[in-house]
Amino acid sequence: MLVPELCGRVPVSGSDPDDPTVVLRAAALDAAATLATTAGRWIVVGVDSHGRIYGPGTRGTFRGFGADVVVGLGPVGPEPAPAVTQLPLPVLIAGWLREQVAPGISVQARLFAAGASAAECAAAGAALRAELDTDPHPCAVLVVADGAATLTVAAPGYLDERAPALQRDLDTALRTGSRAGLATLEPQLCAQLLVDGRAAYQVLGGLFAADYADPRVRTLYQGAPYGVGYDVSVWQPADRTVTGDE
């Protein structure tokens, strides 16, 4: 959806503004550009089978998804690291967004285990917020996560009748900045409905848990054009921009 070379075409001037791929890509780039104007570095929050961290020297390729598009989490040095062919998708997407809007910044990706409990995710988000609040240098947080992949018969996981209601609740929570709404995502049900980003969303909720009120949100896109729920929003606490998600 985001990387043009993986869609079999590269966007050109005059691209159909009603094409959901074009609309979603534009929204994601807008959100990433917003983060780039507020901070010189990002921390990416995503989900993988196990928790792990990737530093700014990480480089990877989308070759396994159909095109040898190489991206990185930081500026390329005189001796760049080889591109990893099996880099987790949230890291690749974060690298692609960085290179599109802010190739000079450095990014660290923190992936959380898909099976982490809601409490563990909330605690991780709160710990990340405490870390950022003690750092004098501004840092943005980019959440790369999917909604339900079972919303239509054409979806990767086919149609599950329970998925639309869960996706509506998730959309509402992301659109309104509802920390409580994200906290209620049930891990087992999310796993059944292929909400692969559940842990990342709950880390996002924990990131804002200490604030006196839910964050202000600017939502740029919500939809499920191919049976997978997508959201692109920028969240702001009362004092400063902290995170975007998509």
Protein backbone atom coordinates (compact mmCIF):
# COMPACT_ATOMS: atom_id res chain seq x y z
CA MET A 1 0.00 0.00 0.00
CA LEU A 2 2.74 2.50 0.87
CA VAL A 3 5.78 1.59 -1.22
CA PRO A 4 5.01 2.32 -4.89
CA GLU A 5 7.41 -0.28 -6.29
CA LEU A 6 5.56 -3.00 -4.39
CA CYS A 7 2.27 -1.96 -5.97
CA GLY A 8 3.57 -2.46 -9.49
CA ARG A 9 3.65 1.24 -10.25
CA VAL A 10 5.37 4.45 -9.27
CA PRO A 11 3.15 7.50 -8.61
CA VAL A 12 3.22 10.15 -11.31
CA SER A 13 1.82 13.65 -11.56
CA GLY A 14 -1.93 13.46 -11.91
CA SER A 15 -2.33 10.19 -10.00
CA ASP A 16 -5.97 9.44 -9.28
CA PRO A 17 -6.76 11.26 -6.02
CA ASP A 18 -9.53 8.74 -5.33
CA ASP A 19 -7.19 5.74 -5.52
CA PRO A 20 -7.08 4.44 -1.92
CA THR A 21 -3.41 3.57 -2.31
CA VAL A 22 -2.59 7.15 -3.31
CA VAL A 23 -4.72 8.62 -0.52
CA LEU A 24 -3.27 6.39 2.17
CA ARG A 25 0.31 6.96 1.01
CA ALA A 26 -0.17 10.73 0.98
CA ALA A 27 -1.60 10.65 4.50
CA ALA A 28 1.29 8.55 5.82
CA LEU A 29 3.85 10.88 4.26
CA ASP A 30 2.02 13.89 5.71
CA ALA A 31 2.11 12.40 9.20
CA ALA A 32 5.77 11.47 8.88
CA ALA A 33 6.61 14.98 7.66
CA THR A 34 4.85 16.39 10.71
CA LEU A 35 7.05 14.30 12.97
CA ALA A 36 10.14 15.39 11.07
CA THR A 37 9.35 19.06 11.69
CA THR A 38 9.10 18.52 15.44
CA ALA A 39 12.10 16.30 16.19
CA GLY A 40 15.50 15.43 14.79
CA ARG A 41 15.19 11.78 15.70
CA TRP A 42 12.44 9.18 15.95
CA ILE A 43 11.73 6.08 17.97
CA VAL A 44 9.64 3.57 16.06
CA VAL A 45 7.23 1.27 17.89
CA GLY A 46 6.19 -1.92 16.13
CA VAL A 47 5.46 -5.60 16.67
CA ASP A 48 7.41 -8.77 15.88
CA SER A 49 7.49 -12.33 17.14
CA HIS A 50 10.00 -11.28 19.81
CA GLY A 51 11.05 -7.98 21.31
CA ARG A 52 14.14 -6.48 19.70
CA ILE A 53 15.81 -3.14 18.94
CA TYR A 54 17.28 -1.88 15.65
CA GLY A 55 19.66 1.07 15.58
CA PRO A 56 20.20 3.87 13.03
CA GLY A 57 22.82 1.82 11.19
CA THR A 58 20.23 -0.78 10.16
CA ARG A 59 19.57 -1.18 6.44
CA GLY A 60 17.12 -3.54 4.80
CA THR A 61 15.44 -4.36 1.53
CA PHE A 62 11.86 -5.04 0.44
CA ARG A 63 13.20 -7.76 -1.88
CA GLY A 64 11.21 -10.39 -0.01
CA PHE A 65 8.03 -8.44 -0.77
CA GLY A 66 8.69 -8.18 -4.49
CA ALA A 67 11.11 -5.30 -5.14
CA ASP A 68 14.70 -4.63 -4.15
CA VAL A 69 14.00 -1.26 -2.52
CA VAL A 70 16.74 -0.59 0.03
CA VAL A 71 15.97 1.62 3.04
CA GLY A 72 17.76 2.50 6.25
CA LEU A 73 17.14 3.90 9.72
CA GLY A 74 19.83 6.55 9.41
CA PRO A 75 22.03 8.43 6.95
CA VAL A 76 24.36 6.20 4.94
CA GLY A 77 27.98 6.41 6.09
CA PRO A 78 31.13 5.85 4.06
CA GLU A 79 30.89 2.11 4.69
CA PRO A 80 27.17 1.31 4.88
CA ALA A 81 26.03 -1.94 6.43
CA PRO A 82 24.68 -4.56 4.02
CA ALA A 83 20.93 -4.55 3.49
CA VAL A 84 19.22 -7.25 5.55
CA THR A 85 16.80 -9.32 3.49
CA GLN A 86 14.62 -10.49 6.39
CA LEU A 87 14.11 -7.23 8.28
CA PRO A 88 10.68 -7.04 10.02
CA LEU A 89 8.11 -5.07 8.05
CA PRO A 90 7.60 -2.28 10.65
CA VAL A 91 11.31 -1.50 10.45
CA LEU A 92 11.27 -1.45 6.66
CA ILE A 93 8.22 0.83 6.55
CA ALA A 94 9.78 3.18 9.10
CA GLY A 95 12.96 3.30 7.02
CA TRP A 96 10.99 4.04 3.87
CA LEU A 97 9.05 6.88 5.52
CA ARG A 98 12.25 8.34 6.94
CA GLU A 99 13.94 8.35 3.57
CA GLN A 100 10.93 9.96 1.89
CA VAL A 101 10.50 12.90 4.28
CA ALA A 102 13.65 13.28 6.40
CA PRO A 103 16.66 11.32 5.12
CA GLY A 104 19.01 13.18 7.44
CA ILE A 105 17.46 12.02 10.71
CA SER A 106 18.28 8.93 12.76
CA VAL A 107 15.74 6.36 13.86
CA GLN A 108 15.73 3.62 16.47
CA ALA A 109 13.11 0.88 16.07
CA ARG A 110 11.80 -0.92 19.14
CA LEU A 111 9.71 -3.98 18.36
CA PHE A 112 7.56 -5.55 21.03
CA ALA A 113 6.56 -9.20 21.21
CA ALA A 114 3.22 -9.97 19.61
CA GLY A 115 2.26 -12.02 22.65
CA ALA A 116 3.00 -9.33 25.23
CA SER A 117 0.14 -8.75 27.65
CA ALA A 118 -1.84 -5.52 27.75
CA ALA A 119 -0.24 -4.66 31.09
CA GLU A 120 3.25 -5.28 29.75
CA CYS A 121 2.59 -3.05 26.74
CA ALA A 122 1.16 -0.26 28.87
CA ALA A 123 4.18 -0.44 31.18
CA ALA A 124 6.54 -0.33 28.21
CA GLY A 125 4.79 2.75 26.87
CA ALA A 126 4.96 4.48 30.24
CA ALA A 127 8.66 3.65 30.54
CA LEU A 128 9.32 5.05 27.08
CA ARG A 129 7.49 8.26 27.97
CA ALA A 130 9.55 8.63 31.17
CA GLU A 131 12.71 8.16 29.10
CA LEU A 132 11.67 10.79 26.59
CA ASP A 133 10.63 13.27 29.27
CA THR A 134 14.13 13.22 30.77
CA ASP A 135 15.83 13.79 27.40
CA PRO A 136 16.41 17.47 26.60
CA HIS A 137 16.39 16.77 22.87
CA PRO A 138 13.00 16.38 21.14
CA CYS A 139 12.15 12.91 19.90
CA ALA A 140 9.08 11.81 17.97
CA VAL A 141 7.50 8.37 18.21
CA LEU A 142 6.22 6.65 15.09
CA VAL A 143 3.87 3.71 15.61
CA VAL A 144 3.80 1.29 12.67
CA ALA A 145 0.95 -1.19 13.17
CA ASP A 146 -1.92 -2.86 11.33
CA GLY A 147 -5.57 -3.11 12.21
CA ALA A 148 -7.71 -6.18 11.56
CA ALA A 149 -6.80 -8.19 8.44
CA THR A 150 -10.12 -10.07 8.42
CA LEU A 151 -12.61 -7.38 7.38
CA THR A 152 -13.68 -8.72 3.96
CA VAL A 153 -13.57 -11.94 1.96
CA ALA A 154 -10.66 -10.43 -0.01
CA ALA A 155 -8.65 -9.71 3.15
CA PRO A 156 -5.47 -11.69 3.90
CA GLY A 157 -7.29 -13.54 6.66
CA TYR A 158 -10.66 -13.74 4.86
CA LEU A 159 -13.79 -12.38 6.56
CA ASP A 160 -14.42 -12.88 10.25
CA GLU A 161 -17.81 -11.55 11.32
CA ARG A 162 -16.37 -10.29 14.60
CA ALA A 163 -13.76 -8.12 12.92
CA PRO A 164 -15.81 -5.08 11.80
CA ALA A 165 -17.00 -4.31 15.33
CA LEU A 166 -13.51 -4.59 16.75
CA GLN A 167 -12.11 -2.42 13.95
CA ARG A 168 -14.77 0.22 14.61
CA ASP A 169 -13.76 0.32 18.27
CA LEU A 170 -10.09 0.56 17.31
CA ASP A 171 -10.80 3.30 14.78
CA THR A 172 -12.70 5.27 17.40
CA ALA A 173 -9.91 4.91 19.95
CA LEU A 174 -7.27 6.04 17.46
CA ARG A 175 -9.40 8.90 16.15
CA THR A 176 -10.28 10.22 19.62
CA GLY A 177 -7.02 9.44 21.42
CA SER A 178 -8.79 7.12 23.82
CA ARG A 179 -6.19 5.52 26.05
CA ALA A 180 -8.92 3.50 27.74
CA GLY A 181 -10.15 2.24 24.37
CA LEU A 182 -6.70 0.95 23.43
CA ALA A 183 -6.28 -0.66 26.85
CA THR A 184 -9.41 -2.78 26.31
CA LEU A 185 -8.06 -4.51 23.20
CA GLU A 186 -8.12 -8.20 24.10
CA PRO A 187 -4.92 -9.99 23.02
CA GLN A 188 -6.46 -13.35 22.20
CA LEU A 189 -9.31 -11.90 20.14
CA CYS A 190 -6.91 -9.56 18.33
CA ALA A 191 -4.70 -12.52 17.48
CA GLN A 192 -7.68 -14.41 16.06
CA LEU A 193 -8.72 -11.42 13.95
CA LEU A 194 -5.14 -10.74 12.78
CA VAL A 195 -4.84 -7.36 14.48
CA ASP A 196 -1.08 -7.70 14.32
CA GLY A 197 -0.48 -4.21 15.70
CA ARG A 198 -2.34 -4.75 18.98
CA ALA A 199 0.76 -4.66 21.18
CA ALA A 200 2.04 -1.48 19.51
CA TYR A 201 -1.31 0.24 19.99
CA GLN A 202 -1.25 -0.59 23.68
CA VAL A 203 2.31 0.73 23.99
CA LEU A 204 0.93 3.92 22.41
CA GLY A 205 -1.74 4.10 25.09
CA GLY A 206 0.89 3.70 27.80
CA LEU A 207 2.96 6.47 26.23
CA PHE A 208 0.20 8.95 27.11
CA ALA A 209 -0.96 7.32 30.35
CA ALA A 210 0.57 9.96 32.64
CA ASP A 211 -1.19 12.88 30.96
CA TYR A 212 -4.15 14.51 32.66
CA ALA A 213 -6.37 13.99 29.61
CA ASP A 214 -6.48 12.06 26.36
CA PRO A 215 -4.29 13.52 23.62
CA ARG A 216 -5.46 15.79 20.85
CA VAL A 217 -5.62 13.92 17.55
CA ARG A 218 -5.47 14.90 13.90
CA THR A 219 -6.66 11.95 11.82
CA LEU A 220 -5.55 11.99 8.20
CA TYR A 221 -6.92 8.65 7.07
CA GLN A 222 -9.10 5.78 8.24
CA GLY A 223 -10.31 2.99 6.02
CA ALA A 224 -10.03 -0.64 4.96
CA PRO A 225 -9.85 -0.62 1.15
CA TYR A 226 -8.36 -4.11 0.91
CA GLY A 227 -9.92 -5.70 3.95
CA VAL A 228 -7.23 -4.48 6.37
CA GLY A 229 -7.85 -1.63 8.78
CA TYR A 230 -5.60 1.41 8.29
CA ASP A 231 -5.31 4.53 10.40
CA VAL A 232 -3.01 7.52 10.00
CA SER A 233 -3.16 9.98 12.87
CA VAL A 234 -0.94 12.44 14.68
CA TRP A 235 -1.31 12.48 18.47
CA GLN A 236 -0.36 15.48 20.58
CA PRO A 237 -0.38 15.93 24.35
CA ALA A 238 -1.26 19.36 25.66
CA ASP A 239 2.32 20.66 25.58
CA ARG A 240 4.11 19.20 22.55
CA THR A 241 3.87 16.79 19.63
CA VAL A 242 4.99 13.32 20.61
CA THR A 243 3.79 10.70 18.20
CA GLY A 244 2.19 9.74 14.95
CA ASP A 245 0.79 6.36 14.02
CA GLU A 246 -0.24 4.59 10.90
